[in-house]
Amino acid sequence: MPDRYINLFTDFGFKKIFGEEASKPNLISFLNTLLPEKHHIIDLSFSKNEQSGSTVLDRKAIFDLSCVSQNGDYFIVELQKAKQNFFKDRSLYYATFPIQQQAQRGEWNFKLAAVYSIGILDFIFDEDKQDKNEKHRVIHQVQLKDQANKLFYDKLTFIYLTLPNFKKSIDELETLQEKWFYLFRHLHELDNIPQKLQETVFEQLFEQAQIARFEPQEREAYESSLKYYRDLKNVIDTAHDEGRTEGRVEGKVEGKYEKAVEVAQKLIPIMKDDIQIASISRLTIEEVIALRESTQKT
């Protein structure tokens, strides 16, 4: 039986529910469950979601949505489907762009608006997998603090949502935040609207998420996005399963170069981001680019 509702971890699904003008109430409701009351959003405007880097790879879109609230706070909202090397470094790097954009010509007192970088993750950080204290933690909030754990600066906040750790059933949901987490994980599995989710805030979402309501072009775009997501998950899961059986896939260092190449070759037709392919396969970016070029020639 085909799905009734879209998968929010597809690019199409995420942008349909959170990244269109008609979807602003959804994004505002979701973000407000993560923010302190003083930064709650009443309205927001979308802004360009690509930054100009020094290389072709840098110039690719790194985050999915970028917006500014009614009081000038900046929000970067990234949907991350697979683990990447230096993910935290990249989050920090791209959080500096809205900071730099606030610079004013002439006399300026350097007062800045708040910047929030929010990562919605479909994976668990490697360093957290063996940590019992992290097993059930979904929200990771990071701010600048001194050696006494005293807050140094409250206008730069990173929020990472490790959604695979969210295991509550529909009957266990209590807060609006938990309901949003549940929808990220299970919307595409629902056949109807559960009573727990029959709230005004979700009425529009369920209408927008119905695949049967899509125009033919939208349906085709969604199916393509869903195939990409499933293929990506399948390749990653296969690599992890083989890694557990044969020893971790560590590329050249462990004598598994051929396996790394095989993983990369499977990813190249379905992924455009060579950095992400390199991260998953454990090849270098240069090796991935060379593989892509050789594939295009054949």
Protein backbone atom coordinates (compact mmCIF):
# COMPACT_ATOMS: atom_id res chain seq x y z
CA MET A 1 0.00 0.00 0.00
CA PRO A 2 1.52 3.36 -1.01
CA ASP A 3 2.26 5.98 1.62
CA ARG A 4 -0.45 8.54 2.26
CA TYR A 5 1.88 11.23 3.61
CA ILE A 6 5.33 12.41 2.59
CA ASN A 7 8.60 11.58 4.33
CA LEU A 8 9.97 14.68 6.07
CA PHE A 9 13.56 13.47 5.69
CA THR A 10 13.36 13.82 1.93
CA ASP A 11 14.49 17.16 0.52
CA PHE A 12 11.12 17.59 -1.18
CA GLY A 13 9.15 16.72 1.95
CA PHE A 14 11.16 18.99 4.22
CA LYS A 15 10.92 21.97 1.88
CA LYS A 16 7.22 21.34 1.20
CA ILE A 17 6.32 21.39 4.88
CA PHE A 18 8.80 23.98 6.14
CA GLY A 19 10.34 25.89 3.24
CA GLU A 20 7.44 27.47 1.34
CA GLU A 21 5.60 30.71 2.05
CA ALA A 22 2.42 28.75 2.81
CA SER A 23 4.37 26.59 5.25
CA LYS A 24 5.68 29.38 7.48
CA PRO A 25 3.27 28.52 10.34
CA ASN A 26 4.74 25.00 10.44
CA LEU A 27 8.32 26.26 10.64
CA ILE A 28 7.46 28.89 13.24
CA SER A 29 5.65 26.36 15.43
CA PHE A 30 8.49 23.85 15.20
CA LEU A 31 11.27 26.37 15.87
CA ASN A 32 9.45 27.92 18.82
CA THR A 33 9.51 24.55 20.61
CA LEU A 34 13.32 24.80 20.57
CA LEU A 35 13.76 28.47 21.49
CA PRO A 36 13.66 30.43 24.75
CA GLU A 37 10.52 32.54 25.04
CA LYS A 38 12.41 35.81 24.48
CA HIS A 39 13.38 34.60 21.00
CA HIS A 40 10.00 33.16 20.02
CA ILE A 41 9.08 33.86 16.40
CA ILE A 42 5.90 35.65 15.36
CA ASP A 43 6.80 35.97 11.69
CA LEU A 44 9.82 35.26 9.51
CA SER A 45 11.14 35.78 6.01
CA PHE A 46 13.16 33.30 4.00
CA SER A 47 16.59 34.33 2.76
CA LYS A 48 19.06 32.88 0.28
CA ASN A 49 20.31 29.49 1.46
CA GLU A 50 23.64 29.31 -0.36
CA GLN A 51 26.92 30.97 0.51
CA SER A 52 29.75 31.69 -1.91
CA GLY A 53 32.82 29.67 -1.02
CA SER A 54 36.31 29.53 -2.47
CA THR A 55 35.80 26.25 -4.38
CA VAL A 56 33.08 24.60 -6.41
CA LEU A 57 32.37 22.28 -3.49
CA ASP A 58 32.22 25.18 -1.04
CA ARG A 59 29.69 26.97 -3.24
CA LYS A 60 27.18 24.14 -2.97
CA ALA A 61 24.16 24.63 -0.71
CA ILE A 62 25.15 23.40 2.73
CA PHE A 63 21.98 24.11 4.65
CA ASP A 64 18.39 23.71 3.56
CA LEU A 65 16.67 26.77 4.96
CA SER A 66 17.79 30.21 6.08
CA CYS A 67 15.40 32.75 7.56
CA VAL A 68 15.17 35.89 9.66
CA SER A 69 12.55 36.49 12.35
CA GLN A 70 10.54 39.66 12.93
CA ASN A 71 13.08 40.95 15.48
CA GLY A 72 16.12 40.25 13.30
CA ASP A 73 17.25 36.90 14.71
CA TYR A 74 18.87 34.62 12.12
CA PHE A 75 18.09 30.92 11.73
CA ILE A 76 19.93 28.26 9.76
CA VAL A 77 17.90 25.05 9.58
CA GLU A 78 19.73 22.05 8.13
CA LEU A 79 18.33 18.61 7.38
CA GLN A 80 21.21 16.15 7.64
CA LYS A 81 20.49 12.64 6.36
CA ALA A 82 23.95 11.11 6.79
CA LYS A 83 27.03 11.62 8.95
CA GLN A 84 29.78 13.80 7.52
CA ASN A 85 33.37 14.26 8.59
CA PHE A 86 33.91 17.61 10.32
CA PHE A 87 30.15 18.17 10.52
CA LYS A 88 30.52 20.34 13.63
CA ASP A 89 33.32 22.36 12.04
CA ARG A 90 31.11 23.04 9.04
CA SER A 91 28.18 24.03 11.24
CA LEU A 92 30.37 26.59 12.97
CA TYR A 93 31.76 27.87 9.66
CA TYR A 94 28.36 28.45 8.09
CA ALA A 95 27.00 30.05 11.25
CA THR A 96 29.52 32.84 10.72
CA PHE A 97 27.86 33.98 7.48
CA PRO A 98 24.76 35.55 9.08
CA ILE A 99 27.09 37.15 11.63
CA GLN A 100 29.16 38.75 8.87
CA GLN A 101 26.03 39.84 7.01
CA GLN A 102 25.11 42.07 9.94
CA ALA A 103 28.17 44.29 9.46
CA GLN A 104 27.17 47.88 8.71
CA ARG A 105 29.05 50.49 6.75
CA GLY A 106 30.32 53.59 8.49
CA GLU A 107 29.81 53.99 12.22
CA TRP A 108 28.73 50.71 13.80
CA ASN A 109 28.77 49.62 17.44
CA PHE A 110 29.11 45.90 16.58
CA LYS A 111 25.80 44.97 18.22
CA LEU A 112 24.65 41.66 16.73
CA ALA A 113 21.32 39.86 16.46
CA ALA A 114 21.11 36.28 17.69
CA VAL A 115 22.06 33.43 15.35
CA TYR A 116 20.66 29.92 15.71
CA SER A 117 22.08 26.97 13.78
CA ILE A 118 19.66 24.05 13.97
CA GLY A 119 20.63 20.62 12.67
CA ILE A 120 17.93 17.99 12.24
CA LEU A 121 19.93 14.76 12.16
CA ASP A 122 18.97 11.32 10.89
CA PHE A 123 22.08 9.83 12.49
CA ILE A 124 23.86 9.63 15.84
CA PHE A 125 27.29 11.16 16.44
CA ASP A 126 29.95 8.43 16.62
CA GLU A 127 31.23 9.71 19.95
CA ASP A 128 27.73 9.36 21.45
CA LYS A 129 26.99 5.78 20.35
CA GLN A 130 28.82 4.15 23.27
CA ASP A 131 27.84 6.79 25.83
CA LYS A 132 24.96 5.56 27.99
CA ASN A 133 24.15 9.13 29.01
CA GLU A 134 23.54 10.03 25.36
CA LYS A 135 21.40 7.02 24.51
CA HIS A 136 18.07 8.81 24.95
CA ARG A 137 19.15 12.42 24.47
CA VAL A 138 17.55 14.06 21.44
CA ILE A 139 18.41 17.74 21.94
CA HIS A 140 22.01 18.93 22.07
CA GLN A 141 22.23 22.67 22.75
CA VAL A 142 25.66 24.27 22.47
CA GLN A 143 26.70 27.81 23.47
CA LEU A 144 29.95 29.60 24.30
CA LYS A 145 30.87 29.12 27.99
CA ASP A 146 33.96 29.75 30.09
CA GLN A 147 35.97 27.27 32.16
CA ALA A 148 33.50 27.58 35.05
CA ASN A 149 30.63 26.64 32.71
CA LYS A 150 29.34 30.21 32.90
CA LEU A 151 27.62 31.47 29.77
CA PHE A 152 29.96 33.84 27.91
CA TYR A 153 27.78 34.75 24.92
CA ASP A 154 24.09 34.02 24.40
CA LYS A 155 23.63 35.15 20.80
CA LEU A 156 25.19 32.15 19.06
CA THR A 157 23.43 28.85 19.66
CA PHE A 158 23.78 25.47 18.01
CA ILE A 159 20.93 23.01 18.42
CA TYR A 160 21.38 19.46 17.15
CA LEU A 161 18.41 17.11 17.13
CA THR A 162 19.46 13.45 17.17
CA LEU A 163 16.11 12.12 16.03
CA PRO A 164 17.05 8.40 15.92
CA ASN A 165 17.18 8.67 19.73
CA PHE A 166 13.52 9.71 19.87
CA LYS A 167 11.65 6.46 20.57
CA LYS A 168 8.34 7.57 22.10
CA SER A 169 5.13 6.03 20.79
CA ILE A 170 2.10 8.08 19.80
CA ASP A 171 0.44 7.37 23.16
CA GLU A 172 3.47 8.66 25.07
CA LEU A 173 3.53 12.08 23.42
CA GLU A 174 2.93 14.97 25.80
CA THR A 175 4.46 18.21 24.54
CA LEU A 176 4.22 20.00 21.21
CA GLN A 177 7.95 19.47 20.78
CA GLU A 178 7.57 15.70 21.14
CA LYS A 179 4.77 15.73 18.58
CA TRP A 180 7.00 17.48 16.06
CA PHE A 181 9.78 14.96 16.69
CA TYR A 182 7.29 12.13 16.20
CA LEU A 183 6.13 13.58 12.88
CA PHE A 184 9.69 13.79 11.60
CA ARG A 185 10.15 10.11 12.31
CA HIS A 186 6.72 8.69 11.51
CA LEU A 187 4.59 11.00 9.32
CA HIS A 188 5.12 8.83 6.24
CA GLU A 189 3.99 5.74 8.17
CA LEU A 190 0.59 7.15 9.15
CA ASP A 191 -2.64 6.12 7.40
CA ASN A 192 -4.75 8.70 9.19
CA ILE A 193 -4.39 11.51 11.71
CA PRO A 194 -3.92 10.11 15.25
CA GLN A 195 -6.09 11.72 17.90
CA LYS A 196 -2.98 12.97 19.69
CA LEU A 197 -2.11 15.02 16.61
CA GLN A 198 -5.56 16.39 15.89
CA GLU A 199 -4.60 19.93 16.82
CA THR A 200 -5.06 23.19 14.95
CA VAL A 201 -1.31 23.60 14.53
CA PHE A 202 -1.13 20.36 12.49
CA GLU A 203 -4.27 20.75 10.34
CA GLN A 204 -2.47 22.52 7.50
CA LEU A 205 0.51 20.18 7.71
CA PHE A 206 -1.55 17.05 7.13
CA GLU A 207 -3.26 18.69 4.15
CA GLN A 208 0.06 19.77 2.64
CA ALA A 209 1.61 16.35 3.26
CA GLN A 210 -1.04 14.31 1.43
CA ILE A 211 0.61 12.82 -1.65
CA ALA A 212 -2.76 12.36 -3.35
CA ARG A 213 -3.21 16.14 -3.45
CA PHE A 214 -0.01 16.73 -5.42
CA GLU A 215 0.04 17.87 -9.01
CA PRO A 216 1.74 15.36 -11.37
CA GLN A 217 4.97 17.37 -11.40
CA GLU A 218 5.02 17.54 -7.60
CA ARG A 219 4.40 13.81 -7.31
CA GLU A 220 7.23 13.10 -9.74
CA ALA A 221 9.57 15.42 -7.83
CA TYR A 222 8.65 13.75 -4.53
CA GLU A 223 9.13 10.22 -5.90
CA SER A 224 12.56 11.23 -7.18
CA SER A 225 13.46 12.75 -3.80
CA LEU A 226 12.18 9.65 -1.98
CA LYS A 227 14.21 7.33 -4.22
CA TYR A 228 17.32 9.40 -3.54
CA TYR A 229 16.72 9.17 0.22
CA ARG A 230 16.06 5.41 0.17
CA ASP A 231 19.06 4.69 -2.06
CA LEU A 232 21.29 6.77 0.19
CA LYS A 233 20.05 5.00 3.33
CA ASN A 234 20.44 1.61 1.68
CA VAL A 235 24.04 2.28 0.64
CA ILE A 236 24.95 3.62 4.08
CA ASP A 237 23.23 0.74 5.92
CA THR A 238 24.92 -1.80 3.65
CA ALA A 239 28.32 -0.21 4.23
CA HIS A 240 27.76 -0.25 7.98
CA ASP A 241 26.58 -3.88 7.96
CA GLU A 242 29.60 -4.96 5.92
CA GLY A 243 31.81 -2.91 8.18
CA ARG A 244 30.50 -4.71 11.25
CA THR A 245 31.06 -8.09 9.59
CA GLU A 246 34.50 -7.49 8.12
CA GLY A 247 35.78 -4.84 10.50
CA ARG A 248 35.05 -1.13 10.07
CA VAL A 249 35.32 0.30 6.58
CA GLU A 250 38.45 2.37 7.07
CA GLY A 251 39.53 2.80 3.44
CA LYS A 252 43.23 2.57 2.62
CA VAL A 253 44.46 2.45 6.20
CA GLU A 254 42.74 -0.90 6.85
CA GLY A 255 43.38 -2.30 3.38
CA LYS A 256 39.72 -1.76 2.42
CA TYR A 257 40.32 0.62 -0.46
CA GLU A 258 38.38 -1.50 -2.92
CA LYS A 259 35.37 -1.53 -0.61
CA ALA A 260 35.56 2.26 -0.20
CA VAL A 261 35.64 2.67 -3.99
CA GLU A 262 32.64 0.36 -4.33
CA VAL A 263 30.65 2.41 -1.81
CA ALA A 264 31.57 5.66 -3.57
CA GLN A 265 30.59 4.23 -6.97
CA LYS A 266 27.14 3.38 -5.61
CA LEU A 267 26.71 6.88 -4.17
CA ILE A 268 27.90 8.91 -7.16
CA PRO A 269 24.76 8.35 -9.31
CA ILE A 270 22.42 9.41 -6.49
CA MET A 271 24.40 12.15 -4.74
CA LYS A 272 25.84 15.43 -6.01
CA ASP A 273 27.77 16.34 -2.87
CA ASP A 274 31.30 14.93 -3.26
CA ILE A 275 32.18 15.99 0.28
CA GLN A 276 29.40 13.82 1.68
CA ILE A 277 30.39 10.88 -0.55
CA ALA A 278 33.97 11.20 0.69
CA SER A 279 32.74 11.25 4.28
CA ILE A 280 30.64 8.10 3.87
CA SER A 281 33.09 6.10 1.75
CA ARG A 282 36.24 7.26 3.59
CA LEU A 283 37.91 8.21 0.29
CA THR A 284 39.45 11.64 -0.18
CA ILE A 285 37.50 14.34 -2.00
CA GLU A 286 40.06 14.22 -4.82
CA GLU A 287 39.52 10.47 -5.22
CA VAL A 288 35.75 10.91 -5.34
CA ILE A 289 36.04 13.66 -7.97
CA ALA A 290 38.33 11.43 -10.04
CA LEU A 291 35.86 8.55 -9.76
CA ARG A 292 32.99 10.80 -10.82
CA GLU A 293 34.95 12.04 -13.85
CA SER A 294 35.88 8.50 -14.89
CA THR A 295 32.25 7.41 -14.52
CA GLN A 296 31.05 10.25 -16.75
CA LYS A 297 33.55 9.27 -19.47
CA THR A 298 32.33 5.67 -19.65
